[in-house]
Amino acid sequence: MDPVIPPAVMFGLARDILRKEMGQRIERRREIGRDTPDGVRLTSEISTLVQLGQSLDETTAKQIIAAGRAAVEARLAPPRMPRCDASDLYAQFPDLLPEDAQVWVGPGWRAILTEAFDALKGRPVVVHMAREDRAGLRLVVGSVGDWKEPDFDLAAAVADRTWARSLKICETCGAPAANGSWSRYRTRCADHAEER
């Protein structure tokens, strides 16, 4: 323990910060209503703060005092979604993905992406980008040389089919997507709605 701050005072300060954060969230929840999506999120955050206060240890208390709100917000931040390992895709589709291609998708869309790449394999095209955009999986496909009509039509059809399928599948786990307040921005199942 820090010899300057007695343990009782340090834990008291940390709990005061936690109480202030809980109070702010309770007030916001009263304003917007408990049964709204934001109200449910705030209820969850309040519960996390209560648990943090009950199991407060020396290290966490010091972090809360030192960083104040930032330490509390870090504990409440939604989990980050893991990303698909692009190196496997580069190895599997070396002619389709140039070195500067951008692949940034969650593991739940891996099967959709592999299916799209299989459909394009062997054609004179390259995929410049495969990433989440406006809740769907966006493919940017370019030609190697001049576009030929059958290749252009295939690339457009694959990109459209990929986009449509991705809107129905959770980017995190591959389960069927659920509708919610997040649906305009992310395609997730109910279990992964808060992952970003």
C-alpha atoms as a PDB file:
ATOM      1  CA  MET A   1       0.000   0.000   0.000  1.00  0.00           C
ATOM      2  CA  ASP A   2       1.063   3.562  -0.598  1.00  0.00           C
ATOM      3  CA  PRO A   3       2.427   4.904   2.757  1.00  0.00           C
ATOM      4  CA  VAL A   4       1.032   8.385   2.025  1.00  0.00           C
ATOM      5  CA  ILE A   5      -2.583   7.261   1.625  1.00  0.00           C
ATOM      6  CA  PRO A   6      -3.916   4.997   4.382  1.00  0.00           C
ATOM      7  CA  PRO A   7      -5.755   1.935   3.027  1.00  0.00           C
ATOM      8  CA  ALA A   8      -9.128   2.974   4.436  1.00  0.00           C
ATOM      9  CA  VAL A   9      -8.875   6.393   2.777  1.00  0.00           C
ATOM     10  CA  MET A  10      -7.732   4.904  -0.543  1.00  0.00           C
ATOM     11  CA  PHE A  11     -10.630   2.418  -0.672  1.00  0.00           C
ATOM     12  CA  GLY A  12     -13.020   5.186   0.384  1.00  0.00           C
ATOM     13  CA  LEU A  13     -11.855   7.463  -2.437  1.00  0.00           C
ATOM     14  CA  ALA A  14     -12.177   4.679  -4.991  1.00  0.00           C
ATOM     15  CA  ARG A  15     -15.672   3.791  -3.775  1.00  0.00           C
ATOM     16  CA  ASP A  16     -16.683   7.473  -3.924  1.00  0.00           C
ATOM     17  CA  ILE A  17     -15.618   7.592  -7.582  1.00  0.00           C
ATOM     18  CA  LEU A  18     -17.579   4.403  -8.280  1.00  0.00           C
ATOM     19  CA  ARG A  19     -20.668   5.782  -6.482  1.00  0.00           C
ATOM     20  CA  LYS A  20     -20.479   8.968  -8.547  1.00  0.00           C
ATOM     21  CA  GLU A  21     -20.325   6.948 -11.772  1.00  0.00           C
ATOM     22  CA  MET A  22     -23.263   4.781 -10.631  1.00  0.00           C
ATOM     23  CA  GLY A  23     -25.273   7.877  -9.720  1.00  0.00           C
ATOM     24  CA  GLN A  24     -24.731   9.421 -13.143  1.00  0.00           C
ATOM     25  CA  ARG A  25     -25.827   6.227 -14.882  1.00  0.00           C
ATOM     26  CA  ILE A  26     -28.895   5.858 -12.634  1.00  0.00           C
ATOM     27  CA  GLU A  27     -29.955   9.432 -13.491  1.00  0.00           C
ATOM     28  CA  ARG A  28     -29.508   8.816 -17.220  1.00  0.00           C
ATOM     29  CA  ARG A  29     -31.487   5.572 -16.933  1.00  0.00           C
ATOM     30  CA  ARG A  30     -34.328   7.442 -15.191  1.00  0.00           C
ATOM     31  CA  GLU A  31     -34.396   9.971 -18.032  1.00  0.00           C
ATOM     32  CA  ILE A  32     -34.506   7.468 -20.886  1.00  0.00           C
ATOM     33  CA  GLY A  33     -36.367   4.600 -19.216  1.00  0.00           C
ATOM     34  CA  ARG A  34     -35.256   1.236 -17.914  1.00  0.00           C
ATOM     35  CA  ASP A  35     -36.767  -0.813 -20.747  1.00  0.00           C
ATOM     36  CA  THR A  36     -35.082   0.997 -23.644  1.00  0.00           C
ATOM     37  CA  PRO A  37     -31.929  -0.524 -25.199  1.00  0.00           C
ATOM     38  CA  ASP A  38     -29.832   2.238 -23.618  1.00  0.00           C
ATOM     39  CA  GLY A  39     -31.584   1.645 -20.304  1.00  0.00           C
ATOM     40  CA  VAL A  40     -30.690  -2.043 -20.427  1.00  0.00           C
ATOM     41  CA  ARG A  41     -27.068  -1.144 -21.235  1.00  0.00           C
ATOM     42  CA  LEU A  42     -26.961   1.319 -18.321  1.00  0.00           C
ATOM     43  CA  THR A  43     -28.426  -1.308 -15.975  1.00  0.00           C
ATOM     44  CA  SER A  44     -25.635  -3.661 -17.008  1.00  0.00           C
ATOM     45  CA  GLU A  45     -23.010  -0.965 -16.417  1.00  0.00           C
ATOM     46  CA  ILE A  46     -24.470  -0.176 -12.988  1.00  0.00           C
ATOM     47  CA  SER A  47     -24.332  -3.874 -12.085  1.00  0.00           C
ATOM     48  CA  THR A  48     -20.679  -4.047 -13.201  1.00  0.00           C
ATOM     49  CA  LEU A  49     -19.842  -0.996 -11.074  1.00  0.00           C
ATOM     50  CA  VAL A  50     -21.533  -2.555  -8.025  1.00  0.00           C
ATOM     51  CA  GLN A  51     -19.529  -5.774  -8.495  1.00  0.00           C
ATOM     52  CA  LEU A  52     -16.332  -3.783  -8.945  1.00  0.00           C
ATOM     53  CA  GLY A  53     -17.022  -1.930  -5.698  1.00  0.00           C
ATOM     54  CA  GLN A  54     -17.714  -5.158  -3.820  1.00  0.00           C
ATOM     55  CA  SER A  55     -14.526  -6.880  -4.954  1.00  0.00           C
ATOM     56  CA  LEU A  56     -12.290  -3.822  -4.806  1.00  0.00           C
ATOM     57  CA  ASP A  57      -8.628  -4.682  -4.317  1.00  0.00           C
ATOM     58  CA  GLU A  58      -5.573  -2.505  -3.732  1.00  0.00           C
ATOM     59  CA  THR A  59      -4.415  -2.411  -7.359  1.00  0.00           C
ATOM     60  CA  THR A  60      -7.846  -1.566  -8.753  1.00  0.00           C
ATOM     61  CA  ALA A  61      -8.378   1.099  -6.082  1.00  0.00           C
ATOM     62  CA  LYS A  62      -5.077   2.758  -7.011  1.00  0.00           C
ATOM     63  CA  GLN A  63      -5.989   2.672 -10.721  1.00  0.00           C
ATOM     64  CA  ILE A  64      -9.402   4.193 -10.079  1.00  0.00           C
ATOM     65  CA  ILE A  65      -7.920   6.977  -7.962  1.00  0.00           C
ATOM     66  CA  ALA A  66      -5.060   7.664 -10.384  1.00  0.00           C
ATOM     67  CA  ALA A  67      -7.076   7.579 -13.564  1.00  0.00           C
ATOM     68  CA  GLY A  68     -10.515   8.397 -12.170  1.00  0.00           C
ATOM     69  CA  ARG A  69     -13.195   8.068 -14.782  1.00  0.00           C
ATOM     70  CA  ALA A  70     -10.873   6.576 -17.429  1.00  0.00           C
ATOM     71  CA  ALA A  71     -10.221   3.487 -15.278  1.00  0.00           C
ATOM     72  CA  VAL A  72     -13.938   2.982 -14.673  1.00  0.00           C
ATOM     73  CA  GLU A  73     -14.772   3.446 -18.363  1.00  0.00           C
ATOM     74  CA  ALA A  74     -12.090   0.907 -19.306  1.00  0.00           C
ATOM     75  CA  ARG A  75     -13.806  -1.676 -17.081  1.00  0.00           C
ATOM     76  CA  LEU A  76     -17.150  -0.949 -18.761  1.00  0.00           C
ATOM     77  CA  ALA A  77     -15.919  -0.850 -22.364  1.00  0.00           C
ATOM     78  CA  PRO A  78     -17.561  -3.405 -24.631  1.00  0.00           C
ATOM     79  CA  PRO A  79     -15.320  -6.275 -25.635  1.00  0.00           C
ATOM     80  CA  ARG A  80     -13.404  -6.015 -28.890  1.00  0.00           C
ATOM     81  CA  MET A  81     -14.275  -8.518 -31.571  1.00  0.00           C
ATOM     82  CA  PRO A  82     -11.414 -10.741 -32.750  1.00  0.00           C
ATOM     83  CA  ARG A  83     -10.528 -10.390 -36.414  1.00  0.00           C
ATOM     84  CA  CYS A  84     -10.080 -13.058 -39.052  1.00  0.00           C
ATOM     85  CA  ASP A  85      -6.424 -13.997 -39.602  1.00  0.00           C
ATOM     86  CA  ALA A  86      -5.680 -12.498 -43.014  1.00  0.00           C
ATOM     87  CA  SER A  87      -2.336 -14.300 -43.405  1.00  0.00           C
ATOM     88  CA  ASP A  88      -4.197 -17.594 -43.965  1.00  0.00           C
ATOM     89  CA  LEU A  89      -6.245 -15.980 -46.705  1.00  0.00           C
ATOM     90  CA  TYR A  90      -3.140 -14.519 -48.373  1.00  0.00           C
ATOM     91  CA  ALA A  91      -1.583 -17.999 -48.375  1.00  0.00           C
ATOM     92  CA  GLN A  92      -4.756 -19.697 -49.642  1.00  0.00           C
ATOM     93  CA  PHE A  93      -5.493 -17.137 -52.388  1.00  0.00           C
ATOM     94  CA  PRO A  94      -2.120 -15.613 -53.415  1.00  0.00           C
ATOM     95  CA  ASP A  95      -3.219 -14.637 -56.937  1.00  0.00           C
ATOM     96  CA  LEU A  96      -6.458 -13.072 -55.714  1.00  0.00           C
ATOM     97  CA  LEU A  97      -5.095 -10.906 -52.883  1.00  0.00           C
ATOM     98  CA  PRO A  98      -2.327  -8.410 -53.692  1.00  0.00           C
ATOM     99  CA  GLU A  99       0.140  -7.511 -50.922  1.00  0.00           C
ATOM    100  CA  ASP A 100      -1.639  -4.219 -50.213  1.00  0.00           C
ATOM    101  CA  ALA A 101      -5.124  -5.788 -49.974  1.00  0.00           C
ATOM    102  CA  GLN A 102      -7.100  -4.829 -46.900  1.00  0.00           C
ATOM    103  CA  VAL A 103      -8.844  -7.736 -45.141  1.00  0.00           C
ATOM    104  CA  TRP A 104     -10.603  -6.679 -41.945  1.00  0.00           C
ATOM    105  CA  VAL A 105     -13.545  -8.909 -40.979  1.00  0.00           C
ATOM    106  CA  GLY A 106     -14.701 -10.895 -37.984  1.00  0.00           C
ATOM    107  CA  PRO A 107     -14.349 -14.678 -37.806  1.00  0.00           C
ATOM    108  CA  GLY A 108     -18.092 -15.226 -38.308  1.00  0.00           C
ATOM    109  CA  TRP A 109     -17.800 -14.036 -41.908  1.00  0.00           C
ATOM    110  CA  ARG A 110     -14.802 -16.228 -42.750  1.00  0.00           C
ATOM    111  CA  ALA A 111     -16.955 -18.836 -44.549  1.00  0.00           C
ATOM    112  CA  ILE A 112     -18.698 -16.136 -46.631  1.00  0.00           C
ATOM    113  CA  LEU A 113     -15.339 -14.638 -47.551  1.00  0.00           C
ATOM    114  CA  THR A 114     -13.827 -18.006 -48.502  1.00  0.00           C
ATOM    115  CA  GLU A 115     -16.861 -18.827 -50.638  1.00  0.00           C
ATOM    116  CA  ALA A 116     -16.563 -15.470 -52.452  1.00  0.00           C
ATOM    117  CA  PHE A 117     -12.835 -15.968 -53.037  1.00  0.00           C
ATOM    118  CA  ASP A 118     -13.454 -19.499 -54.347  1.00  0.00           C
ATOM    119  CA  ALA A 119     -15.964 -18.095 -56.845  1.00  0.00           C
ATOM    120  CA  LEU A 120     -13.393 -15.529 -58.062  1.00  0.00           C
ATOM    121  CA  LYS A 121     -10.396 -17.875 -58.062  1.00  0.00           C
ATOM    122  CA  GLY A 122      -8.817 -18.397 -61.461  1.00  0.00           C
ATOM    123  CA  ARG A 123     -10.379 -15.256 -62.954  1.00  0.00           C
ATOM    124  CA  PRO A 124      -8.304 -12.220 -63.992  1.00  0.00           C
ATOM    125  CA  VAL A 125      -9.402 -10.214 -60.924  1.00  0.00           C
ATOM    126  CA  VAL A 126      -7.938  -9.137 -57.596  1.00  0.00           C
ATOM    127  CA  VAL A 127      -9.668  -8.266 -54.344  1.00  0.00           C
ATOM    128  CA  HIS A 128      -8.389  -4.932 -53.073  1.00  0.00           C
ATOM    129  CA  MET A 129     -10.582  -4.805 -49.972  1.00  0.00           C
ATOM    130  CA  ALA A 130     -12.746  -7.120 -47.878  1.00  0.00           C
ATOM    131  CA  ARG A 131     -14.091  -5.407 -44.770  1.00  0.00           C
ATOM    132  CA  GLU A 132     -17.164  -4.474 -42.789  1.00  0.00           C
ATOM    133  CA  ASP A 133     -18.889  -1.398 -44.181  1.00  0.00           C
ATOM    134  CA  ARG A 134     -22.329  -0.209 -43.032  1.00  0.00           C
ATOM    135  CA  ALA A 135     -23.017  -3.527 -41.278  1.00  0.00           C
ATOM    136  CA  GLY A 136     -22.223  -5.713 -44.308  1.00  0.00           C
ATOM    137  CA  LEU A 137     -19.189  -7.375 -45.850  1.00  0.00           C
ATOM    138  CA  ARG A 138     -17.958  -5.175 -48.679  1.00  0.00           C
ATOM    139  CA  LEU A 139     -15.707  -6.533 -51.412  1.00  0.00           C
ATOM    140  CA  VAL A 140     -13.824  -4.211 -53.750  1.00  0.00           C
ATOM    141  CA  VAL A 141     -12.807  -6.248 -56.780  1.00  0.00           C
ATOM    142  CA  GLY A 142     -10.566  -4.950 -59.543  1.00  0.00           C
ATOM    143  CA  SER A 143      -9.489  -6.338 -62.872  1.00  0.00           C
ATOM    144  CA  VAL A 144      -6.057  -7.533 -63.884  1.00  0.00           C
ATOM    145  CA  GLY A 145      -5.846  -5.716 -67.215  1.00  0.00           C
ATOM    146  CA  ASP A 146      -9.022  -4.638 -69.004  1.00  0.00           C
ATOM    147  CA  TRP A 147     -12.420  -5.714 -67.741  1.00  0.00           C
ATOM    148  CA  LYS A 148     -14.104  -8.406 -69.779  1.00  0.00           C
ATOM    149  CA  GLU A 149     -17.878  -8.498 -69.505  1.00  0.00           C
ATOM    150  CA  PRO A 150     -18.184 -12.031 -68.025  1.00  0.00           C
ATOM    151  CA  ASP A 151     -15.531 -11.267 -65.375  1.00  0.00           C
ATOM    152  CA  PHE A 152     -17.152  -7.922 -64.549  1.00  0.00           C
ATOM    153  CA  ASP A 153     -20.588  -9.561 -64.206  1.00  0.00           C
ATOM    154  CA  LEU A 154     -19.164 -12.340 -62.017  1.00  0.00           C
ATOM    155  CA  ALA A 155     -17.304  -9.879 -59.761  1.00  0.00           C
ATOM    156  CA  ALA A 156     -20.454  -7.757 -59.349  1.00  0.00           C
ATOM    157  CA  ALA A 157     -22.617 -10.803 -58.616  1.00  0.00           C
ATOM    158  CA  VAL A 158     -20.137 -12.179 -56.057  1.00  0.00           C
ATOM    159  CA  ALA A 159     -19.832  -8.781 -54.324  1.00  0.00           C
ATOM    160  CA  ASP A 160     -23.633  -8.392 -54.178  1.00  0.00           C
ATOM    161  CA  ARG A 161     -24.193 -11.966 -52.941  1.00  0.00           C
ATOM    162  CA  THR A 162     -21.470 -11.544 -50.304  1.00  0.00           C
ATOM    163  CA  TRP A 163     -23.031  -8.295 -49.070  1.00  0.00           C
ATOM    164  CA  ALA A 164     -26.532  -9.818 -48.884  1.00  0.00           C
ATOM    165  CA  ARG A 165     -25.381 -12.972 -47.040  1.00  0.00           C
ATOM    166  CA  SER A 166     -23.300 -11.001 -44.535  1.00  0.00           C
ATOM    167  CA  LEU A 167     -26.342  -8.991 -43.429  1.00  0.00           C
ATOM    168  CA  LYS A 168     -27.912 -12.222 -42.144  1.00  0.00           C
ATOM    169  CA  ILE A 169     -24.920 -13.675 -40.277  1.00  0.00           C
ATOM    170  CA  CYS A 170     -23.199 -12.473 -37.082  1.00  0.00           C
ATOM    171  CA  GLU A 171     -19.740 -11.158 -37.925  1.00  0.00           C
ATOM    172  CA  THR A 172     -18.400 -12.417 -34.599  1.00  0.00           C
ATOM    173  CA  CYS A 173     -19.583 -16.028 -34.462  1.00  0.00           C
ATOM    174  CA  GLY A 174     -21.427 -16.922 -37.692  1.00  0.00           C
ATOM    175  CA  ALA A 175     -24.824 -17.443 -36.006  1.00  0.00           C
ATOM    176  CA  PRO A 176     -27.963 -15.921 -37.520  1.00  0.00           C
ATOM    177  CA  ALA A 177     -28.016 -12.161 -36.992  1.00  0.00           C
ATOM    178  CA  ALA A 178     -30.541 -10.517 -34.672  1.00  0.00           C
ATOM    179  CA  ASN A 179     -32.256  -7.161 -35.091  1.00  0.00           C
ATOM    180  CA  GLY A 180     -31.609  -4.440 -32.558  1.00  0.00           C
ATOM    181  CA  SER A 181     -30.624  -0.817 -32.187  1.00  0.00           C
ATOM    182  CA  TRP A 182     -27.135  -1.762 -33.392  1.00  0.00           C
ATOM    183  CA  SER A 183     -28.371  -3.325 -36.673  1.00  0.00           C
ATOM    184  CA  ARG A 184     -27.746  -0.214 -38.773  1.00  0.00           C
ATOM    185  CA  TYR A 185     -24.075  -0.270 -37.812  1.00  0.00           C
ATOM    186  CA  ARG A 186     -23.129  -3.881 -37.072  1.00  0.00           C
ATOM    187  CA  THR A 187     -24.375  -7.347 -37.964  1.00  0.00           C
ATOM    188  CA  ARG A 188     -24.418  -9.335 -34.748  1.00  0.00           C
ATOM    189  CA  CYS A 189     -26.407 -11.991 -32.964  1.00  0.00           C
ATOM    190  CA  ALA A 190     -27.981 -11.042 -29.643  1.00  0.00           C
ATOM    191  CA  ASP A 191     -25.045 -12.570 -27.709  1.00  0.00           C
ATOM    192  CA  HIS A 192     -22.467 -10.354 -29.458  1.00  0.00           C
ATOM    193  CA  ALA A 193     -24.487  -7.160 -29.891  1.00  0.00           C
ATOM    194  CA  GLU A 194     -22.097  -5.078 -27.798  1.00  0.00           C
ATOM    195  CA  GLU A 195     -18.855  -6.235 -29.419  1.00  0.00           C
ATOM    196  CA  ARG A 196     -17.206  -3.647 -31.629  1.00  0.00           C
END
